[in-house]
Amino acid sequence: MIIPFKRHCADTYEKVIAGDALDVCCDDNMIRRIKAWWAACYLYFESVLASLRGKYGTVFSTPLAPKETIRAVVNANLWIHTRSAVLSG
């Protein structure tokens, strides 16, 4: 699975977020950026999943798996992106 507007696959993100970054093809700077991105977006993702639970009764795993979380947010059309910044110039 891919993550929209990201350079690495979901498996790489999931391994880095889980703290198992020894076998991923990323430098230390990218690993820090992935962790910072997850920390910044986690509360938003959590609120989207809470909304989906309330509206549709969807059940998600605990703790939240990054792949499952990202898939749910993207499929709900609530993915935040900055593509418009690229297209505006």
C-alpha atoms as a PDB file:
ATOM      1  CA  MET A   1       0.000   0.000   0.000  1.00  0.00           C
ATOM      2  CA  ILE A   2       1.158   3.513  -0.703  1.00  0.00           C
ATOM      3  CA  ILE A   3       0.612   6.651   1.302  1.00  0.00           C
ATOM      4  CA  PRO A   4      -0.639   9.626  -0.757  1.00  0.00           C
ATOM      5  CA  PHE A   5       2.018  12.262  -1.419  1.00  0.00           C
ATOM      6  CA  LYS A   6       4.731  10.320   0.451  1.00  0.00           C
ATOM      7  CA  ARG A   7       7.966   8.869  -0.940  1.00  0.00           C
ATOM      8  CA  HIS A   8       8.038   5.597   0.991  1.00  0.00           C
ATOM      9  CA  CYS A   9       5.552   2.743   1.185  1.00  0.00           C
ATOM     10  CA  ALA A  10       3.273   2.114   4.140  1.00  0.00           C
ATOM     11  CA  ASP A  11       5.446  -0.800   5.338  1.00  0.00           C
ATOM     12  CA  THR A  12       8.387   1.564   5.811  1.00  0.00           C
ATOM     13  CA  TYR A  13       6.252   4.049   7.746  1.00  0.00           C
ATOM     14  CA  GLU A  14       4.774   1.297   9.893  1.00  0.00           C
ATOM     15  CA  LYS A  15       8.201  -0.114  10.781  1.00  0.00           C
ATOM     16  CA  VAL A  16       9.595   3.321  11.643  1.00  0.00           C
ATOM     17  CA  ILE A  17       6.557   4.228  13.748  1.00  0.00           C
ATOM     18  CA  ALA A  18       6.774   0.883  15.571  1.00  0.00           C
ATOM     19  CA  GLY A  19      10.450   1.538  16.349  1.00  0.00           C
ATOM     20  CA  ASP A  20      11.774  -1.227  14.098  1.00  0.00           C
ATOM     21  CA  ALA A  21      13.732   0.958  11.665  1.00  0.00           C
ATOM     22  CA  LEU A  22      16.807  -1.269  11.393  1.00  0.00           C
ATOM     23  CA  ASP A  23      15.759  -2.927   8.127  1.00  0.00           C
ATOM     24  CA  VAL A  24      14.232   0.042   6.298  1.00  0.00           C
ATOM     25  CA  CYS A  25      15.924   1.853   3.448  1.00  0.00           C
ATOM     26  CA  CYS A  26      15.976   5.327   5.022  1.00  0.00           C
ATOM     27  CA  ASP A  27      18.613   7.549   6.493  1.00  0.00           C
ATOM     28  CA  ASP A  28      18.350   8.858  10.062  1.00  0.00           C
ATOM     29  CA  ASN A  29      16.951  12.197   8.919  1.00  0.00           C
ATOM     30  CA  MET A  30      14.076  10.523   7.065  1.00  0.00           C
ATOM     31  CA  ILE A  31      13.336   8.320  10.071  1.00  0.00           C
ATOM     32  CA  ARG A  32      13.081  11.440  12.256  1.00  0.00           C
ATOM     33  CA  ARG A  33      10.819  13.112   9.684  1.00  0.00           C
ATOM     34  CA  ILE A  34       8.498  10.083   9.556  1.00  0.00           C
ATOM     35  CA  LYS A  35       8.228  10.017  13.360  1.00  0.00           C
ATOM     36  CA  ALA A  36       7.563  13.772  13.453  1.00  0.00           C
ATOM     37  CA  TRP A  37       4.907  13.476  10.731  1.00  0.00           C
ATOM     38  CA  TRP A  38       3.130  10.685  12.634  1.00  0.00           C
ATOM     39  CA  ALA A  39       3.268  12.627  15.899  1.00  0.00           C
ATOM     40  CA  ALA A  40       1.849  15.726  14.192  1.00  0.00           C
ATOM     41  CA  CYS A  41      -0.979  13.867  12.422  1.00  0.00           C
ATOM     42  CA  TYR A  42      -1.871  11.310  15.098  1.00  0.00           C
ATOM     43  CA  LEU A  43      -4.497  13.410  16.893  1.00  0.00           C
ATOM     44  CA  TYR A  44      -6.180  14.270  13.586  1.00  0.00           C
ATOM     45  CA  PHE A  45      -6.192  10.601  12.567  1.00  0.00           C
ATOM     46  CA  GLU A  46      -7.600   9.633  15.953  1.00  0.00           C
ATOM     47  CA  SER A  47     -10.450  12.132  15.611  1.00  0.00           C
ATOM     48  CA  VAL A  48     -11.265  10.931  12.080  1.00  0.00           C
ATOM     49  CA  LEU A  49     -11.437   7.338  13.322  1.00  0.00           C
ATOM     50  CA  ALA A  50     -13.642   8.400  16.252  1.00  0.00           C
ATOM     51  CA  SER A  51     -15.954  10.110  13.778  1.00  0.00           C
ATOM     52  CA  LEU A  52     -16.080   6.976  11.603  1.00  0.00           C
ATOM     53  CA  ARG A  53     -16.824   4.863  14.684  1.00  0.00           C
ATOM     54  CA  GLY A  54     -19.680   7.151  15.667  1.00  0.00           C
ATOM     55  CA  LYS A  55     -21.150   7.568  12.203  1.00  0.00           C
ATOM     56  CA  TYR A  56     -20.759   4.031  10.801  1.00  0.00           C
ATOM     57  CA  GLY A  57     -19.935   1.866  13.826  1.00  0.00           C
ATOM     58  CA  THR A  58     -16.588   0.901  12.317  1.00  0.00           C
ATOM     59  CA  VAL A  59     -14.285  -1.096  14.594  1.00  0.00           C
ATOM     60  CA  PHE A  60     -10.528  -0.450  14.493  1.00  0.00           C
ATOM     61  CA  SER A  61      -7.699  -2.346  16.141  1.00  0.00           C
ATOM     62  CA  THR A  62      -6.148  -1.148  19.373  1.00  0.00           C
ATOM     63  CA  PRO A  63      -3.534   0.227  19.410  1.00  0.00           C
ATOM     64  CA  LEU A  64      -4.079   1.934  16.093  1.00  0.00           C
ATOM     65  CA  ALA A  65      -2.124   0.292  13.290  1.00  0.00           C
ATOM     66  CA  PRO A  66      -0.657   2.937  10.972  1.00  0.00           C
ATOM     67  CA  LYS A  67      -1.733   1.143   7.770  1.00  0.00           C
ATOM     68  CA  GLU A  68      -5.297   0.683   8.968  1.00  0.00           C
ATOM     69  CA  THR A  69      -5.461   4.278  10.169  1.00  0.00           C
ATOM     70  CA  ILE A  70      -4.120   5.733   6.928  1.00  0.00           C
ATOM     71  CA  ARG A  71      -6.397   3.548   4.787  1.00  0.00           C
ATOM     72  CA  ALA A  72      -9.474   4.659   6.760  1.00  0.00           C
ATOM     73  CA  VAL A  73      -8.586   8.363   6.572  1.00  0.00           C
ATOM     74  CA  VAL A  74      -7.850   8.201   2.827  1.00  0.00           C
ATOM     75  CA  ASN A  75     -10.996   6.201   2.033  1.00  0.00           C
ATOM     76  CA  ALA A  76     -13.098   8.681   4.009  1.00  0.00           C
ATOM     77  CA  ASN A  77     -11.694  11.449   1.739  1.00  0.00           C
ATOM     78  CA  LEU A  78     -10.256  13.252   4.765  1.00  0.00           C
ATOM     79  CA  TRP A  79      -6.580  13.045   3.807  1.00  0.00           C
ATOM     80  CA  ILE A  80      -4.765  16.355   4.299  1.00  0.00           C
ATOM     81  CA  HIS A  81      -2.425  17.258   1.468  1.00  0.00           C
ATOM     82  CA  THR A  82      -0.523  20.247   0.160  1.00  0.00           C
ATOM     83  CA  ARG A  83      -0.903  19.546  -3.529  1.00  0.00           C
ATOM     84  CA  SER A  84      -2.667  22.878  -4.072  1.00  0.00           C
ATOM     85  CA  ALA A  85       0.538  24.644  -2.997  1.00  0.00           C
ATOM     86  CA  VAL A  86       2.356  22.960  -5.875  1.00  0.00           C
ATOM     87  CA  LEU A  87      -0.368  23.769  -8.398  1.00  0.00           C
ATOM     88  CA  SER A  88      -0.750  27.426  -7.435  1.00  0.00           C
ATOM     89  CA  GLY A  89       2.483  28.602  -9.048  1.00  0.00           C
END
